[in-house]
Protein backbone atom coordinates (compact mmCIF):
# COMPACT_ATOMS: atom_id res chain seq x y z
CA MET A 1 -14.38 62.18 -126.74
CA ARG A 2 -13.12 64.76 -129.22
CA ILE A 3 -16.14 65.59 -131.39
CA VAL A 4 -16.32 67.34 -134.75
CA HIS A 5 -19.78 68.70 -135.54
CA TYR A 6 -21.18 69.10 -139.07
CA LEU A 7 -23.65 71.89 -139.90
CA ASN A 8 -24.98 73.39 -143.11
CA GLN A 9 -24.37 77.03 -143.99
CA PHE A 10 -27.62 78.22 -142.41
CA TYR A 11 -27.12 76.73 -138.95
CA ALA A 12 -23.47 77.76 -139.03
CA GLY A 13 -24.59 81.38 -139.39
CA LEU A 14 -23.02 81.87 -142.82
CA GLY A 15 -26.23 82.77 -144.66
CA GLY A 16 -29.26 81.24 -146.33
CA GLU A 17 -29.81 80.12 -149.90
CA GLU A 18 -27.45 82.80 -151.21
CA THR A 19 -24.55 80.88 -149.62
CA ALA A 20 -25.83 77.35 -150.29
CA GLY A 21 -23.06 76.86 -152.86
CA ILE A 22 -20.09 77.30 -150.50
CA GLY A 23 -17.66 74.41 -150.27
CA PRO A 24 -16.38 72.49 -147.23
CA ARG A 25 -14.64 74.51 -144.54
CA MET A 26 -13.80 74.24 -140.85
CA LEU A 27 -14.59 76.63 -138.00
CA ASP A 28 -13.01 76.58 -134.56
CA GLY A 29 -15.02 75.26 -131.63
CA THR A 30 -18.80 75.31 -131.40
CA VAL A 31 -21.20 77.17 -133.69
CA GLY A 32 -24.97 77.56 -133.61
CA PRO A 33 -26.69 74.39 -132.31
CA GLY A 34 -23.26 73.09 -131.32
CA ARG A 35 -23.17 75.50 -128.41
CA LEU A 36 -26.27 73.95 -126.86
CA LEU A 37 -24.99 70.45 -127.60
CA ALA A 38 -21.71 71.27 -125.84
CA GLN A 39 -23.62 72.43 -122.76
CA LEU A 40 -25.64 69.21 -122.73
CA LEU A 41 -22.50 67.08 -123.07
CA GLY A 42 -20.83 68.68 -120.07
CA ASP A 43 -17.13 68.20 -119.37
CA GLN A 44 -16.76 64.59 -120.48
CA HIS A 45 -16.88 65.28 -124.22
CA ARG A 46 -15.72 68.30 -126.20
CA ILE A 47 -16.65 69.70 -129.60
CA ILE A 48 -13.25 70.67 -130.96
CA ALA A 49 -14.33 71.99 -134.36
CA THR A 50 -17.29 72.57 -136.65
CA ILE A 51 -17.20 71.59 -140.32
CA VAL A 52 -19.56 73.36 -142.70
CA CYS A 53 -20.73 73.02 -146.29
CA GLY A 54 -23.48 74.70 -148.28
CA ASP A 55 -26.54 72.53 -148.94
CA ASN A 56 -26.32 72.86 -152.73
CA HIS A 57 -22.61 72.05 -152.83
CA ALA A 58 -22.95 69.09 -150.46
CA ALA A 59 -25.92 67.60 -152.31
CA SER A 60 -24.55 68.00 -155.83
CA ASN A 61 -20.84 67.19 -155.40
CA ALA A 62 -19.88 63.55 -154.95
CA THR A 63 -16.55 64.50 -153.33
CA ALA A 64 -18.02 66.78 -150.66
CA ALA A 65 -18.48 64.03 -148.04
CA GLN A 66 -14.88 62.88 -148.38
CA GLU A 67 -13.57 66.45 -148.20
CA LEU A 68 -15.57 67.05 -145.01
CA LEU A 69 -14.40 63.74 -143.57
CA ASP A 70 -10.78 64.69 -144.27
CA LEU A 71 -11.29 67.95 -142.39
CA ALA A 72 -12.78 66.12 -139.42
CA ARG A 73 -9.98 63.56 -139.26
CA GLY A 74 -7.39 66.28 -139.66
CA ALA A 75 -8.85 68.00 -136.60
CA GLY A 76 -8.40 64.82 -134.56
CA ALA A 77 -12.05 63.74 -134.35
CA GLU A 78 -12.91 60.69 -132.30
CA LEU A 79 -16.59 61.07 -133.14
CA LEU A 80 -18.40 62.86 -135.96
CA VAL A 81 -21.88 64.28 -135.30
CA ALA A 82 -23.96 65.60 -138.21
CA GLY A 83 -27.05 67.76 -137.85
CA PRO A 84 -29.77 68.00 -136.75
CA ALA A 85 -31.16 68.30 -140.26
CA PHE A 86 -34.82 67.98 -139.17
CA GLY A 87 -36.89 67.60 -142.38
CA SER A 88 -34.53 69.41 -144.78
CA GLY A 89 -33.81 67.12 -147.71
CA ARG A 90 -30.50 68.52 -148.97
CA TYR A 91 -29.14 68.98 -145.46
CA GLY A 92 -30.29 65.48 -144.48
CA LEU A 93 -28.67 64.01 -147.57
CA ALA A 94 -25.37 65.72 -146.74
CA CYS A 95 -25.48 64.49 -143.13
CA ALA A 96 -26.29 60.94 -144.23
CA ARG A 97 -23.53 60.79 -146.83
CA LEU A 98 -21.00 62.20 -144.39
CA VAL A 99 -21.69 59.74 -141.58
CA ALA A 100 -21.79 56.87 -144.08
CA ALA A 101 -18.32 57.87 -145.33
CA ALA A 102 -17.06 58.19 -141.75
CA ASP A 103 -18.48 54.80 -140.77
CA ALA A 104 -16.87 53.17 -143.81
CA ALA A 105 -13.54 54.76 -142.85
CA GLY A 106 -13.75 53.46 -139.27
CA LEU A 107 -14.56 56.80 -137.61
CA PRO A 108 -17.55 56.59 -135.23
CA ALA A 109 -20.33 58.87 -136.44
CA LEU A 110 -24.00 59.61 -136.00
CA ALA A 111 -26.47 61.83 -137.80
CA THR A 112 -29.72 63.27 -136.56
CA MET A 113 -32.76 64.11 -138.68
CA HIS A 114 -36.49 63.51 -138.81
CA PRO A 115 -37.43 59.91 -139.70
CA ASP A 116 -39.27 61.19 -142.78
CA ASN A 117 -36.18 63.01 -144.13
CA PRO A 118 -35.58 61.71 -147.68
CA GLY A 119 -31.80 61.68 -147.13
CA ILE A 120 -31.93 59.12 -144.34
CA THR A 121 -31.48 56.09 -146.59
CA ASP A 122 -27.99 57.25 -147.61
CA ALA A 123 -26.62 56.83 -144.07
CA GLY A 124 -25.90 53.16 -144.64
CA ALA A 125 -24.91 51.37 -141.42
CA ALA A 126 -24.16 54.60 -139.53
CA PRO A 127 -26.68 55.34 -136.77
CA VAL A 128 -29.28 58.06 -137.29
CA VAL A 129 -30.97 59.51 -134.20
CA ALA A 130 -34.49 60.83 -134.75
CA SER A 131 -34.92 64.59 -134.51
CA GLY A 132 -38.10 66.59 -134.24
CA ALA A 133 -39.84 67.82 -137.36
CA THR A 134 -38.57 71.41 -137.16
CA ALA A 135 -36.03 73.57 -135.35
CA ARG A 136 -38.69 74.36 -132.75
CA GLU A 137 -37.72 70.97 -131.32
CA MET A 138 -34.00 71.76 -131.19
CA ARG A 139 -33.52 71.29 -127.45
CA PRO A 140 -35.23 67.90 -127.05
CA THR A 141 -33.49 66.71 -130.20
CA LEU A 142 -30.05 67.68 -128.91
CA GLN A 143 -30.84 66.17 -125.51
CA ARG A 144 -31.46 62.88 -127.30
CA VAL A 145 -28.25 63.29 -129.30
CA ALA A 146 -26.21 64.04 -126.15
CA ALA A 147 -27.53 60.88 -124.51
CA ALA A 148 -26.69 58.89 -127.64
CA ILE A 149 -23.13 60.28 -127.65
CA ALA A 150 -22.69 59.28 -124.01
CA LYS A 151 -23.78 55.74 -124.86
CA LEU A 152 -21.54 55.51 -127.92
CA ALA A 153 -18.60 56.64 -125.77
CA THR A 154 -19.00 53.46 -123.71
CA GLY A 155 -18.70 51.31 -126.82
CA ALA A 156 -22.39 50.33 -126.75
CA THR A 157 -24.63 50.17 -129.81
CA LEU A 158 -27.55 52.55 -130.21
CA THR A 159 -31.03 51.03 -130.39
CA ALA A 160 -34.55 52.27 -131.04
CA GLN A 161 -34.84 53.07 -127.32
CA ASP A 162 -32.05 55.62 -127.80
CA GLY A 163 -34.02 57.28 -130.59
CA ARG A 164 -32.19 55.44 -133.36
CA VAL A 165 -34.17 55.22 -136.58
CA VAL A 166 -34.34 51.47 -137.15
CA LYS A 167 -35.20 49.94 -140.49
CA ALA A 168 -37.73 47.15 -140.60
CA ALA A 169 -36.10 43.78 -140.07
CA ARG A 170 -35.57 41.52 -143.07
CA ILE A 171 -36.15 37.94 -141.98
CA GLY A 172 -34.96 35.12 -144.20
CA ARG A 173 -37.03 31.99 -144.74
CA LEU A 174 -36.80 28.88 -146.85
CA VAL A 175 -39.07 28.60 -149.88
CA GLU A 176 -39.81 25.72 -152.19
CA GLN A 177 -38.88 27.52 -155.43
CA ARG A 178 -35.77 29.54 -156.15
CA ALA A 179 -36.10 33.18 -157.26
CA ALA A 180 -35.79 32.49 -161.00
CA ALA A 181 -38.63 30.00 -160.96
CA ARG A 182 -40.84 32.31 -158.92
CA ALA A 183 -40.11 35.20 -161.30
CA VAL A 184 -41.11 33.13 -164.35
CA GLU A 185 -44.26 32.00 -162.58
CA LEU A 186 -45.16 35.61 -161.78
CA VAL A 187 -44.61 36.67 -165.40
CA LEU A 188 -46.92 33.89 -166.56
CA ARG A 189 -49.55 35.06 -164.09
CA ARG A 190 -49.26 38.59 -165.46
CA LEU A 191 -49.63 37.35 -169.03
CA GLY A 192 -52.69 35.43 -167.88
CA GLY A 193 -54.29 38.61 -166.58
CA ASP A 194 -53.39 38.43 -162.87
CA GLN A 195 -52.42 41.99 -161.94
CA GLN A 196 -52.51 41.50 -158.17
CA SER A 197 -50.00 38.79 -157.25
CA THR A 198 -46.67 40.08 -155.94
CA GLU A 199 -43.95 39.19 -153.43
CA ILE A 200 -43.39 42.86 -152.58
CA PRO A 201 -46.70 44.58 -151.88
CA VAL A 202 -46.52 48.36 -151.99
CA GLY A 203 -49.04 50.13 -149.80
CA GLY A 204 -49.93 53.65 -148.84
CA PHE A 205 -50.07 55.17 -152.33
CA ASP A 206 -53.24 56.19 -154.07
CA ALA A 207 -53.82 55.47 -157.73
CA VAL A 208 -55.08 58.75 -159.18
CA GLU A 209 -57.02 58.46 -162.40
CA PRO A 210 -55.94 61.26 -164.76
CA ALA A 211 -58.68 63.63 -165.83
CA ALA A 212 -59.86 63.55 -169.42
CA PRO A 213 -58.17 66.07 -171.76
CA VAL A 214 -59.83 69.44 -172.18
CA ASP A 215 -61.92 69.19 -175.34
CA LYS A 216 -61.67 72.84 -176.38
CA PRO A 217 -58.80 74.59 -174.54
CA ALA A 218 -59.25 77.65 -176.76
CA SER A 219 -62.53 78.36 -174.97
CA ALA A 220 -61.63 77.02 -171.51
CA THR A 221 -60.82 78.89 -168.34
CA ILE A 222 -57.47 77.68 -166.96
CA ALA A 223 -56.16 78.19 -163.44
CA LEU A 224 -52.60 78.18 -162.11
CA VAL A 225 -51.96 76.32 -158.84
CA THR A 226 -48.65 75.44 -157.22
CA GLU A 227 -47.00 73.83 -154.20
CA ALA A 228 -43.84 75.90 -154.75
CA ALA A 229 -44.75 78.40 -151.98
CA VAL A 230 -44.84 81.44 -154.29
CA VAL A 231 -45.99 84.44 -152.26
CA PRO A 232 -45.69 88.24 -152.32
CA ALA A 233 -42.25 89.45 -151.20
CA GLY A 234 -41.92 89.33 -147.45
CA ASN A 235 -44.50 86.53 -147.13
CA PRO A 236 -47.12 88.81 -145.53
CA ASP A 237 -49.55 85.94 -144.86
CA ARG A 238 -46.83 83.75 -143.27
CA LEU A 239 -47.16 80.64 -145.40
CA GLU A 240 -45.08 77.85 -143.86
CA SER A 241 -41.87 76.78 -145.59
CA ALA A 242 -42.55 73.13 -144.70
CA ARG A 243 -45.36 70.94 -143.41
CA ALA A 244 -48.12 73.21 -144.60
CA THR A 245 -51.30 73.53 -142.59
CA ARG A 246 -53.08 75.79 -145.09
CA TRP A 247 -53.12 77.18 -148.61
CA LEU A 248 -53.48 80.73 -149.89
CA ARG A 249 -54.75 82.52 -152.97
CA TYR A 250 -53.52 85.68 -154.70
CA PRO A 251 -55.07 87.78 -157.52
CA ILE A 252 -53.25 87.95 -160.86
CA GLU A 253 -55.86 89.81 -162.87
CA GLY A 254 -54.06 92.37 -165.04
CA ILE A 255 -50.59 90.98 -164.25
CA ASP A 256 -48.61 89.67 -167.22
CA ALA A 257 -45.70 88.15 -165.26
CA LEU A 258 -44.42 87.74 -161.71
CA ALA A 259 -41.70 90.32 -161.14
CA SER A 260 -38.54 89.49 -159.23
CA GLY A 261 -38.48 91.41 -155.98
CA GLU A 262 -42.26 91.52 -155.82
CA TRP A 263 -42.76 87.75 -155.53
CA GLU A 264 -40.68 85.02 -153.94
CA SER A 265 -40.71 81.35 -153.04
CA VAL A 266 -40.46 80.57 -149.33
CA ALA A 267 -40.26 76.79 -149.82
CA GLY A 268 -37.76 75.10 -147.54
CA GLY A 269 -37.22 71.97 -149.62
CA PHE A 270 -35.21 73.30 -152.56
CA ALA A 271 -32.79 76.08 -153.44
CA THR A 272 -35.00 79.07 -154.22
CA THR A 273 -32.32 81.35 -155.72
CA ALA A 274 -33.32 80.73 -159.35
CA ALA A 275 -37.02 80.80 -158.50
CA ASN A 276 -36.71 84.15 -156.77
CA ALA A 277 -34.67 85.59 -159.64
CA ASP A 278 -37.60 84.70 -161.93
CA PRO A 279 -40.73 83.57 -160.05
CA ASN A 280 -42.31 82.57 -163.37
CA ARG A 281 -40.08 79.48 -163.31
CA VAL A 282 -42.29 77.96 -160.62
CA LEU A 283 -45.56 79.73 -161.44
CA PRO A 284 -45.55 80.20 -165.25
CA LEU A 285 -47.76 83.27 -165.43
CA ASP A 286 -45.77 84.79 -168.30
CA ALA A 287 -46.17 81.67 -170.47
CA ALA A 288 -49.85 81.36 -169.57
CA ARG A 289 -50.48 84.97 -170.61
CA THR A 290 -48.79 84.25 -173.95
CA LEU A 291 -51.10 81.26 -174.49
CA GLU A 292 -54.06 83.46 -173.57
CA ARG A 293 -53.07 86.18 -176.05
CA GLU A 294 -52.47 83.63 -178.81
CA GLY A 295 -55.89 82.08 -178.24
CA ALA A 296 -54.48 78.68 -177.24
CA ILE A 297 -56.52 78.94 -174.04
CA GLY A 298 -59.71 80.87 -173.53
CA ARG A 299 -58.98 82.74 -170.32
CA LEU A 300 -56.65 82.59 -167.35
CA HIS A 301 -58.40 82.42 -163.99
CA GLY A 302 -58.06 85.66 -162.04
CA GLU A 303 -56.19 84.21 -159.05
CA PHE A 304 -53.73 81.43 -158.30
CA MET A 305 -53.72 79.02 -155.38
CA VAL A 306 -50.56 78.15 -153.50
CA THR A 307 -49.23 76.01 -150.68
CA VAL A 308 -45.90 74.32 -149.91
CA GLY A 309 -45.27 70.67 -150.68
CA ASN A 310 -42.11 70.32 -148.60
CA GLY A 311 -42.82 67.75 -145.88
CA THR A 312 -46.58 68.25 -146.09
CA PRO A 313 -48.43 65.06 -145.01
CA VAL A 314 -50.32 63.20 -147.71
CA ALA A 315 -53.60 63.53 -145.81
CA THR A 316 -53.20 67.30 -145.64
CA ALA A 317 -52.28 67.54 -149.32
CA ARG A 318 -55.30 65.42 -150.22
CA ARG A 319 -57.53 67.84 -148.30
CA PHE A 320 -55.98 70.81 -150.10
CA GLY A 321 -56.67 69.11 -153.44
CA VAL A 322 -60.33 68.60 -152.61
CA GLU A 323 -60.67 72.21 -151.47
CA TRP A 324 -58.90 73.55 -154.55
CA ALA A 325 -61.08 71.47 -156.86
CA ALA A 326 -64.24 72.71 -155.16
CA GLU A 327 -63.13 76.36 -155.38
CA LEU A 328 -62.15 76.06 -159.05
CA ARG A 329 -65.37 74.29 -160.01
CA LYS A 330 -67.37 77.02 -158.28
CA ALA A 331 -65.43 79.64 -160.28
CA GLY A 332 -66.19 77.89 -163.58
CA VAL A 333 -62.62 76.74 -164.22
CA GLN A 334 -62.30 73.80 -166.64
CA ALA A 335 -58.64 72.86 -166.03
CA ALA A 336 -55.65 73.70 -163.84
CA ILE A 337 -51.91 73.75 -164.38
CA LEU A 338 -50.17 72.46 -161.26
CA THR A 339 -46.48 73.32 -161.01
CA ALA A 340 -44.56 71.22 -158.51
CA THR A 341 -40.99 71.20 -157.19
């Protein structure tokens, strides 16, 4: 099969966030991960071209998927392969939209990303093969993709045994009442005080009771905490850009604002260009100092706490929250401002 491979700007070797705005383009032959995929495919299938688009452009422009699809079809693609996007949201979204457009146009396509990637739902009926969580699992991921391509080439359908991410089955059944009658009945139950009955139970999410307002903010000590991965330039303590295993703290005593070039965000889940140009956008130290000088708050805590939210498991984030709360209570902090991305 003649394969066209889709990559984002980073894996195509065109740059990082500074080139995330580039539009669709085509490169000859294999690039980046495509070289390993070509080796795994052997002589039976050939990657004839690589199409590329910046993550920001692909995620924010509704026409990007069609433009990329036109490039692939113009190159003579018999199969379109997108990714692997691993856990990257914008990249995953671009891959999913592209293979969905290809599938709708009758061009066989598959994407590969981690099952937790938020873009996966946009793939529609096009198959998505599960990747590892990070690029450290590039080889086993591409081995799975190569096997999936070989199966697709025979005209077979990919299943969960091939690594396909399969949605839970929806099984129809007959009920005594039609939907309108059941909806009215549920409304009446709600009005009668029943807050539990539902046909669509939602599980796995905690209900967090909001803390009471600070009675006297003008005399309170306030802390800044963030999951935006704001660290000193160069990331000397090597905070992860995704799936955090730890959190860090940095002193801000005597600092009125975070200076560009001295601080940066290393988060992998959003475009950090604007945040790095002005780190106060994601950790509002400058605004907090203004509130402190004006007397709106009593005092700003002498250090901030930081981790990365991108792909971090709920259980890990819950642990971080407990640890942060304990540290802040011990330091006599009455409230915290959490900036999130």
